[in-house]
């Protein structure tokens, strides 16, 4: 009888073990598909990008769920796993989250997370009334509330909330606010986390120009900024060497020593210096933070390079914009950020013609790695050759290369920057 009982117990234990093992494995799989913000930002292989799905010259035309799913599949194929959005008062952000949820349900291998932006304005921004940068727009409260609502609706997708986009930099004269306004909402979100009304693992930041984070002029070095740096979970820093080819061009151009190089060698030198310039701005923020005896992660919330400009950065300006230089910047920035384990939300996935609707050839319309109609720019030609986008579309178009893949035609639109005697070379 005892032998029978022992056999029964042994069989029962084996059965229970076999039942419990899949549960453990399932829980492990869930954990690997539901990473925290800290884990995401520390995974170099999880690429990040800024995303807007607008395909027309006005945001009155909101992308459909079908449109968003097309874009999400394209970005996923590029190993993008973290998206950055910019506001929640328009339907797009909520629809992106809905589209991601549907794709995850349909395909267990689909994985995508979101850095959700909450737009912040000063009082009377975008009106005919005098702006007041020391007071905030009455719309800010609803924007934050909606961001909280979406974060709680999609906790497995929304991992970061960014309070404001370039909302503190003083050249944003139409809407910028003083740091105490950003600080107010950052503290509010951190308080919700402490009270259990937001996930403890969700991170809160503000995404702003390097100068706004103390890396530039001393006018930004205020007690309120110091408090803000202490309050965020990490610093999200913007750097745009492309813009500074016009506004601060000391690093830009070909040095006299390089004038005998081939054009491709010149361009490689020029774009390597552009990366060095971006890194110097990133480092300036880190240095300022360290001067305050504060230790926080610092990642890149935005950096990018336009492929077209009929203004400051085009043929009649600094000669900065074309697909060849854009590709070099993209590749070099990805290499640097991956090597240094810095998350880089590259700006941006797709061209968005609404950004400068009055000037169709304006640079703001052309920061995408894809054109509006789904052509892969030079930075992605190799991916097209490798079949990365096989079977995928944007609209009714399959993914093909710009310039019909003819490098000779592409190079006709590439302009060599001028010789600059002011460039300082350390090597």
Protein backbone atom coordinates (compact mmCIF):
# COMPACT_ATOMS: atom_id res chain seq x y z
CA UNK A 1 0.00 0.00 0.00
CA UNK A 2 2.83 2.39 0.91
CA UNK A 3 4.50 1.58 -2.42
CA UNK A 4 1.32 2.45 -4.31
CA UNK A 5 1.04 5.76 -2.43
CA UNK A 6 4.67 6.59 -3.14
CA UNK A 7 4.18 5.87 -6.84
CA UNK A 8 1.05 7.99 -6.89
CA UNK A 9 2.85 10.89 -5.21
CA UNK A 10 5.76 10.60 -7.63
CA UNK A 11 3.46 10.69 -10.65
CA UNK A 12 1.61 13.67 -9.15
CA UNK A 13 4.83 15.60 -8.59
CA UNK A 14 5.98 14.95 -12.14
CA UNK A 15 2.60 16.08 -13.44
CA UNK A 16 2.67 19.27 -11.37
CA UNK A 17 6.21 20.05 -12.48
CA UNK A 18 5.23 19.61 -16.09
CA UNK A 19 2.29 22.01 -15.60
CA UNK A 20 4.35 24.64 -13.79
CA UNK A 21 7.29 24.72 -16.19
CA UNK A 22 5.37 26.26 -19.14
CA UNK A 23 3.96 28.89 -16.76
CA UNK A 24 7.48 29.91 -15.77
CA UNK A 25 8.55 29.99 -19.41
CA UNK A 26 5.42 31.98 -20.33
CA UNK A 27 6.13 34.49 -17.55
CA UNK A 28 9.70 34.84 -18.80
CA UNK A 29 8.48 35.49 -22.33
CA UNK A 30 6.07 38.11 -21.03
CA UNK A 31 8.91 39.87 -19.26
CA UNK A 32 11.02 39.95 -22.40
CA UNK A 33 8.08 41.45 -24.32
CA UNK A 34 7.21 44.03 -21.68
CA UNK A 35 10.43 45.86 -20.95
CA UNK A 36 10.71 48.82 -18.62
CA UNK A 37 11.91 52.24 -19.78
CA UNK A 38 15.24 51.64 -18.06
CA UNK A 39 15.67 48.34 -19.88
CA UNK A 40 14.65 49.80 -23.24
CA UNK A 41 17.01 52.75 -23.05
CA UNK A 42 19.88 50.42 -22.21
CA UNK A 43 19.33 48.01 -25.11
CA UNK A 44 21.50 49.20 -28.02
CA UNK A 45 19.89 46.74 -30.45
CA UNK A 46 16.43 48.25 -29.85
CA UNK A 47 16.63 51.18 -32.25
CA UNK A 48 14.52 54.30 -31.65
CA UNK A 49 13.02 56.82 -34.04
CA UNK A 50 10.75 59.86 -34.12
CA UNK A 51 7.52 59.15 -35.94
CA UNK A 52 4.71 61.14 -37.48
CA UNK A 53 2.44 59.41 -39.96
CA UNK A 54 1.08 62.49 -41.71
CA UNK A 55 1.11 62.07 -45.48
CA UNK A 56 -0.53 65.32 -46.61
CA UNK A 57 0.14 69.05 -46.23
CA UNK A 58 -2.19 69.45 -43.24
CA UNK A 59 -2.72 67.58 -40.00
CA UNK A 60 -6.44 67.89 -40.68
CA UNK A 61 -5.87 64.68 -42.64
CA UNK A 62 -5.18 62.18 -39.88
CA UNK A 63 -3.54 58.88 -40.90
CA UNK A 64 -5.86 55.90 -40.66
CA UNK A 65 -5.20 52.83 -38.55
CA UNK A 66 -4.35 51.03 -41.81
CA UNK A 67 -1.84 53.77 -42.69
CA UNK A 68 -0.25 53.54 -39.25
CA UNK A 69 0.01 49.76 -39.41
CA UNK A 70 1.83 50.01 -42.74
CA UNK A 71 4.35 52.39 -41.22
CA UNK A 72 4.75 50.36 -38.05
CA UNK A 73 5.55 47.23 -40.06
CA UNK A 74 8.16 49.14 -42.08
CA UNK A 75 9.84 50.49 -38.96
CA UNK A 76 9.70 47.11 -37.24
CA UNK A 77 11.47 45.59 -40.25
CA UNK A 78 14.28 48.14 -39.66
CA UNK A 79 14.69 46.87 -36.06
CA UNK A 80 12.97 49.97 -34.68
CA UNK A 81 11.45 49.04 -31.34
CA UNK A 82 10.84 52.45 -29.71
CA UNK A 83 8.85 55.30 -31.26
CA UNK A 84 8.65 58.89 -30.17
CA UNK A 85 5.42 60.88 -30.61
CA UNK A 86 4.82 64.56 -29.91
CA UNK A 87 1.31 65.35 -28.70
CA UNK A 88 -1.88 63.68 -27.57
CA UNK A 89 -4.50 66.34 -28.36
CA UNK A 90 -4.72 65.07 -31.95
CA UNK A 91 -5.95 61.53 -32.70
CA UNK A 92 -2.66 60.23 -34.13
CA UNK A 93 -0.93 59.22 -30.87
CA UNK A 94 -3.92 57.28 -29.55
CA UNK A 95 -4.34 55.61 -32.93
CA UNK A 96 -0.67 54.61 -33.01
CA UNK A 97 -1.10 52.89 -29.66
CA UNK A 98 -4.26 51.19 -30.90
CA UNK A 99 -2.48 50.04 -34.07
CA UNK A 100 0.45 48.64 -32.07
CA UNK A 101 -1.92 46.75 -29.80
CA UNK A 102 -3.68 45.20 -32.80
CA UNK A 103 -0.39 44.22 -34.44
CA UNK A 104 0.85 42.63 -31.22
CA UNK A 105 -2.36 40.64 -30.94
CA UNK A 106 -2.07 39.43 -34.52
CA UNK A 107 1.65 38.60 -34.33
CA UNK A 108 3.39 37.48 -31.15
CA UNK A 109 6.73 38.51 -32.63
CA UNK A 110 5.70 42.13 -33.13
CA UNK A 111 7.22 44.33 -30.45
CA UNK A 112 7.02 48.12 -30.22
CA UNK A 113 7.14 50.68 -27.41
CA UNK A 114 6.38 54.39 -27.27
CA UNK A 115 7.87 57.53 -25.78
CA UNK A 116 4.66 59.54 -25.55
CA UNK A 117 4.98 63.28 -25.98
CA UNK A 118 2.72 65.78 -24.19
CA UNK A 119 2.83 69.15 -25.95
CA UNK A 120 3.41 72.18 -23.70
CA UNK A 121 2.79 75.82 -24.66
CA UNK A 122 3.04 79.20 -22.99
CA UNK A 123 0.04 81.44 -22.44
CA UNK A 124 -1.42 82.82 -25.70
CA UNK A 125 0.80 80.64 -27.89
CA UNK A 126 -0.36 80.44 -31.52
CA UNK A 127 -2.87 83.29 -31.01
CA UNK A 128 -2.95 86.96 -31.94
CA UNK A 129 -2.52 87.86 -28.26
CA UNK A 130 0.87 88.78 -26.71
CA UNK A 131 2.61 85.60 -25.54
CA UNK A 132 3.58 85.24 -21.89
CA UNK A 133 6.46 82.81 -21.46
CA UNK A 134 6.19 82.86 -17.65
CA UNK A 135 2.62 81.53 -17.65
CA UNK A 136 1.29 78.44 -19.32
CA UNK A 137 -1.46 77.67 -21.76
CA UNK A 138 -4.73 76.47 -20.30
CA UNK A 139 -4.48 73.55 -22.73
CA UNK A 140 -1.50 72.03 -20.94
CA UNK A 141 -3.56 70.44 -18.17
CA UNK A 142 -5.75 68.51 -20.60
CA UNK A 143 -2.66 67.41 -22.56
CA UNK A 144 -1.05 65.94 -19.45
CA UNK A 145 -4.28 64.30 -18.35
CA UNK A 146 -4.68 62.65 -21.75
CA UNK A 147 -1.09 61.41 -21.68
CA UNK A 148 -1.70 59.83 -18.27
CA UNK A 149 -4.89 58.24 -19.55
CA UNK A 150 -3.12 56.70 -22.56
CA UNK A 151 -0.18 55.51 -20.44
CA UNK A 152 -2.61 53.68 -18.18
CA UNK A 153 -4.60 52.27 -21.11
CA UNK A 154 -1.46 50.89 -22.77
CA UNK A 155 1.05 50.18 -19.96
CA UNK A 156 2.77 47.48 -22.02
CA UNK A 157 3.45 50.01 -24.82
CA UNK A 158 3.87 53.49 -23.28
CA UNK A 159 7.13 53.44 -21.34
CA UNK A 160 8.11 57.14 -21.27
CA UNK A 161 6.21 60.42 -21.08
CA UNK A 162 8.03 63.50 -22.37
CA UNK A 163 6.69 66.78 -21.02
CA UNK A 164 7.09 69.26 -23.87
CA UNK A 165 9.10 69.28 -27.08
CA UNK A 166 11.71 72.04 -27.38
CA UNK A 167 9.42 73.87 -24.99
CA UNK A 168 12.18 75.67 -23.05
CA UNK A 169 14.56 76.80 -25.79
CA UNK A 170 14.29 80.54 -26.24
CA UNK A 171 14.40 80.58 -30.04
CA UNK A 172 10.98 78.88 -29.97
CA UNK A 173 9.51 82.36 -29.56
CA UNK A 174 5.96 81.37 -30.49
CA UNK A 175 5.42 79.05 -27.53
CA UNK A 176 8.40 78.44 -25.21
CA UNK A 177 7.91 78.31 -21.44
CA UNK A 178 10.23 78.86 -18.52
CA UNK A 179 11.53 75.69 -16.82
CA UNK A 180 9.24 76.05 -13.79
CA UNK A 181 6.26 75.13 -15.97
CA UNK A 182 7.88 71.93 -17.22
CA UNK A 183 9.01 71.21 -13.64
CA UNK A 184 5.42 71.53 -12.40
CA UNK A 185 4.17 68.81 -14.73
CA UNK A 186 7.18 66.55 -14.27
CA UNK A 187 6.62 66.64 -10.51
CA UNK A 188 2.92 65.95 -11.06
CA UNK A 189 3.68 62.81 -13.07
CA UNK A 190 6.30 61.65 -10.57
CA UNK A 191 3.72 62.12 -7.82
CA UNK A 192 1.23 59.95 -9.71
CA UNK A 193 3.88 57.24 -9.90
CA UNK A 194 4.45 57.43 -6.15
CA UNK A 195 0.70 57.17 -5.52
CA UNK A 196 0.37 54.13 -7.76
CA UNK A 197 -1.66 56.02 -10.37
CA UNK A 198 1.04 55.52 -12.98
CA UNK A 199 3.44 52.62 -13.38
CA UNK A 200 6.55 52.89 -11.22
CA UNK A 201 8.55 51.70 -14.23
CA UNK A 202 7.36 54.51 -16.51
CA UNK A 203 10.01 57.20 -16.93
CA UNK A 204 9.36 60.93 -17.12
CA UNK A 205 11.48 63.43 -19.01
CA UNK A 206 11.32 66.58 -21.12
CA UNK A 207 12.78 66.50 -24.63
CA UNK A 208 14.63 69.69 -25.46
CA UNK A 209 17.53 71.41 -27.18
CA UNK A 210 20.97 70.84 -25.65
CA UNK A 211 21.12 74.53 -24.62
CA UNK A 212 17.88 74.18 -22.64
CA UNK A 213 19.51 71.41 -20.62
CA UNK A 214 22.37 73.72 -19.64
CA UNK A 215 24.81 72.80 -22.38
CA UNK A 216 24.74 76.24 -23.98
CA UNK A 217 24.59 79.81 -22.74
CA UNK A 218 24.63 80.66 -19.06
CA UNK A 219 21.19 82.29 -19.30
CA UNK A 220 19.76 78.77 -19.09
CA UNK A 221 21.62 77.97 -15.85
CA UNK A 222 18.82 78.66 -13.40
CA UNK A 223 17.76 77.11 -10.08
CA UNK A 224 14.56 75.92 -11.79
CA UNK A 225 16.56 74.01 -14.41
CA UNK A 226 18.63 72.39 -11.68
CA UNK A 227 15.44 71.27 -9.94
CA UNK A 228 14.11 69.92 -13.22
CA UNK A 229 17.27 67.89 -13.87
CA UNK A 230 16.89 66.39 -10.41
CA UNK A 231 13.22 65.57 -11.04
CA UNK A 232 13.33 63.81 -14.42
CA UNK A 233 14.28 60.17 -14.75
CA UNK A 234 16.65 60.98 -17.60
CA UNK A 235 17.57 63.87 -19.89
CA UNK A 236 16.35 63.79 -23.51
CA UNK A 237 18.68 66.04 -25.53
CA UNK A 238 18.32 67.45 -29.06
CA UNK A 239 21.28 68.21 -31.31
CA UNK A 240 21.16 69.36 -34.95
CA UNK A 241 24.50 69.96 -36.67
CA UNK A 242 22.62 70.38 -39.96
CA UNK A 243 20.98 73.57 -38.73
CA UNK A 244 24.30 74.84 -37.43
CA UNK A 245 25.92 74.55 -40.85
CA UNK A 246 24.15 77.90 -41.31
CA UNK A 247 23.88 79.30 -37.80
CA UNK A 248 27.27 78.22 -36.42
CA UNK A 249 29.33 76.93 -39.36
CA UNK A 250 32.83 76.89 -37.83
CA UNK A 251 32.91 73.08 -38.00
CA UNK A 252 31.37 72.92 -41.45
CA UNK A 253 33.10 72.65 -44.81
CA UNK A 254 36.31 71.29 -46.26
CA UNK A 255 39.61 72.25 -44.64
CA UNK A 256 42.41 73.54 -46.90
CA UNK A 257 44.38 70.37 -46.12
CA UNK A 258 41.50 68.25 -47.41
CA UNK A 259 41.00 70.09 -50.69
CA UNK A 260 43.07 67.54 -52.62
CA UNK A 261 40.97 64.56 -51.48
CA UNK A 262 38.33 62.90 -53.63
CA UNK A 263 34.78 64.18 -53.22
CA UNK A 264 33.67 61.08 -51.33
CA UNK A 265 36.66 61.43 -48.98
CA UNK A 266 35.84 65.10 -48.42
CA UNK A 267 32.23 64.28 -47.60
CA UNK A 268 33.25 61.56 -45.17
CA UNK A 269 35.51 64.05 -43.34
CA UNK A 270 32.78 66.70 -43.32
CA UNK A 271 30.13 64.38 -41.94
CA UNK A 272 32.50 62.89 -39.35
CA UNK A 273 33.01 66.43 -38.04
CA UNK A 274 29.24 66.86 -37.95
CA UNK A 275 29.00 63.83 -35.68
CA UNK A 276 31.81 65.24 -33.51
CA UNK A 277 29.87 68.50 -33.29
CA UNK A 278 26.70 66.68 -32.17
CA UNK A 279 28.69 64.69 -29.61
CA UNK A 280 30.20 67.92 -28.26
CA UNK A 281 26.71 69.26 -27.62
CA UNK A 282 25.70 66.03 -25.91
CA UNK A 283 28.88 66.18 -23.81
CA UNK A 284 28.19 69.80 -22.86
CA UNK A 285 24.91 68.72 -21.23
CA UNK A 286 26.62 65.88 -19.38
CA UNK A 287 29.32 68.30 -18.16
CA UNK A 288 26.77 70.81 -16.89
CA UNK A 289 24.81 68.09 -15.10
CA UNK A 290 28.00 66.78 -13.48
CA UNK A 291 28.89 70.32 -12.36
CA UNK A 292 25.68 70.20 -10.32
CA UNK A 293 26.74 66.87 -8.76
CA UNK A 294 23.76 65.17 -10.38
CA UNK A 295 23.92 61.77 -12.00
CA UNK A 296 21.20 60.89 -14.50
CA UNK A 297 21.15 59.00 -17.81
CA UNK A 298 21.39 61.27 -20.87
CA UNK A 299 20.02 60.10 -24.21
CA UNK A 300 19.40 61.78 -27.57
CA UNK A 301 15.74 62.69 -28.03
CA UNK A 302 16.24 64.09 -31.52
CA UNK A 303 18.89 64.43 -34.16
CA UNK A 304 18.61 64.19 -37.91
CA UNK A 305 19.57 65.48 -41.33
CA UNK A 306 17.31 66.72 -44.11
CA UNK A 307 17.75 65.52 -47.69
CA UNK A 308 16.35 68.63 -49.43
CA UNK A 309 16.43 72.39 -48.84
CA UNK A 310 15.74 75.41 -51.02
CA UNK A 311 16.86 77.70 -48.20
CA UNK A 312 19.72 78.09 -45.73
CA UNK A 313 20.97 74.52 -46.14
CA UNK A 314 20.64 73.99 -49.88
CA UNK A 315 22.67 74.67 -53.00
CA UNK A 316 22.59 78.44 -52.47
CA UNK A 317 23.27 78.12 -48.74
CA UNK A 318 25.60 75.87 -46.76
CA UNK A 319 25.21 72.97 -49.25
CA UNK A 320 24.34 70.63 -46.39
CA UNK A 321 21.25 68.79 -47.58
CA UNK A 322 21.10 65.79 -49.87
CA UNK A 323 20.48 62.07 -49.50
CA UNK A 324 24.16 61.18 -49.55
CA UNK A 325 25.04 63.39 -46.56
CA UNK A 326 21.85 62.31 -44.80
CA UNK A 327 22.88 58.67 -45.17
CA UNK A 328 26.37 59.34 -43.82
CA UNK A 329 24.95 61.19 -40.82
CA UNK A 330 22.42 58.45 -40.12
CA UNK A 331 25.00 55.67 -40.33
CA UNK A 332 27.63 57.47 -38.28
CA UNK A 333 25.15 58.58 -35.60
CA UNK A 334 23.71 55.09 -35.28
CA UNK A 335 27.23 53.67 -34.98
CA UNK A 336 28.27 56.18 -32.30
CA UNK A 337 25.10 55.90 -30.21
CA UNK A 338 25.07 52.09 -30.37
CA UNK A 339 28.73 51.84 -29.42
CA UNK A 340 28.23 54.18 -26.45
CA UNK A 341 24.90 52.62 -25.40
CA UNK A 342 23.07 55.90 -25.85
CA UNK A 343 19.52 55.71 -27.11
CA UNK A 344 19.08 57.90 -30.18
CA UNK A 345 15.57 58.81 -31.32
CA UNK A 346 16.59 59.58 -34.87
CA UNK A 347 14.52 62.27 -36.56
CA UNK A 348 12.67 60.93 -38.46
CA UNK A 349 11.08 57.91 -40.13
CA UNK A 350 9.04 59.52 -42.93
CA UNK A 351 8.91 62.88 -44.68
CA UNK A 352 6.02 65.00 -43.40
CA UNK A 353 4.87 67.68 -45.90
CA UNK A 354 2.69 69.52 -43.38
CA UNK A 355 5.70 70.84 -41.49
CA UNK A 356 6.39 73.59 -44.06
CA UNK A 357 3.29 73.38 -46.22
CA UNK A 358 3.79 76.88 -47.66
CA UNK A 359 7.24 75.93 -48.95
CA UNK A 360 7.15 72.46 -50.55
CA UNK A 361 10.96 72.35 -50.87
CA UNK A 362 11.59 73.54 -47.32
CA UNK A 363 14.00 71.39 -45.31
CA UNK A 364 11.51 70.65 -42.51
CA UNK A 365 9.52 68.53 -44.97
CA UNK A 366 12.45 66.25 -45.77
CA UNK A 367 13.97 64.77 -42.61
CA UNK A 368 12.49 61.33 -43.25
CA UNK A 369 14.40 58.19 -44.22
CA UNK A 370 11.42 57.42 -46.47
CA UNK A 371 9.67 59.78 -48.85
CA UNK A 372 5.94 60.38 -48.43
CA UNK A 373 5.14 57.87 -51.19
CA UNK A 374 7.28 55.15 -49.63
CA UNK A 375 10.54 55.38 -51.50
CA UNK A 376 13.57 54.46 -49.42
CA UNK A 377 16.20 57.19 -49.40
CA UNK A 378 19.88 56.39 -49.86
CA UNK A 379 20.37 55.58 -46.16
CA UNK A 380 18.06 52.58 -46.67
CA UNK A 381 19.11 51.38 -50.13
CA UNK A 382 21.13 48.52 -48.69
CA UNK A 383 18.12 47.42 -46.64
CA UNK A 384 16.03 47.33 -49.82
CA UNK A 385 18.69 45.17 -51.51
CA UNK A 386 18.64 42.79 -48.54
CA UNK A 387 14.88 42.32 -48.84
CA UNK A 388 14.13 44.00 -45.51
CA UNK A 389 10.90 45.53 -46.85
CA UNK A 390 9.79 42.63 -49.03
CA UNK A 391 6.00 42.42 -49.13
CA UNK A 392 5.55 45.75 -47.32
CA UNK A 393 3.96 48.90 -48.72
CA UNK A 394 3.22 52.53 -48.00
CA UNK A 395 -0.14 53.36 -49.47
CA UNK A 396 -0.39 51.33 -52.66
CA UNK A 397 3.33 51.50 -53.36
CA UNK A 398 5.94 48.83 -52.79
CA UNK A 399 9.15 50.03 -51.19
CA UNK A 400 11.64 50.99 -53.89
CA UNK A 401 14.73 53.17 -53.95
CA UNK A 402 14.82 56.90 -54.67
CA UNK A 403 16.52 57.86 -57.94
CA UNK A 404 15.42 54.41 -59.16
CA UNK A 405 18.51 53.14 -57.40
CA UNK A 406 20.89 54.98 -59.74
CA UNK A 407 23.80 56.25 -57.63
CA UNK A 408 25.12 58.38 -60.49
CA UNK A 409 21.88 60.36 -60.65
CA UNK A 410 21.85 60.74 -56.87
CA UNK A 411 25.38 62.11 -56.85
CA UNK A 412 24.38 64.84 -59.32
CA UNK A 413 22.37 66.40 -56.47
CA UNK A 414 25.27 66.25 -54.00
CA UNK A 415 27.17 69.52 -53.45
CA UNK A 416 30.57 69.72 -51.83
CA UNK A 417 30.67 72.23 -48.96
CA UNK A 418 33.03 75.20 -49.45
CA UNK A 419 36.61 75.30 -48.21
CA UNK A 420 36.61 76.76 -44.72
CA UNK A 421 39.85 78.23 -43.37
CA UNK A 422 38.35 78.43 -39.86
CA UNK A 423 38.06 74.67 -39.36
CA UNK A 424 40.27 73.55 -36.50
CA UNK A 425 41.72 70.08 -36.96
CA UNK A 426 43.21 68.27 -33.98
CA UNK A 427 44.73 65.56 -36.16
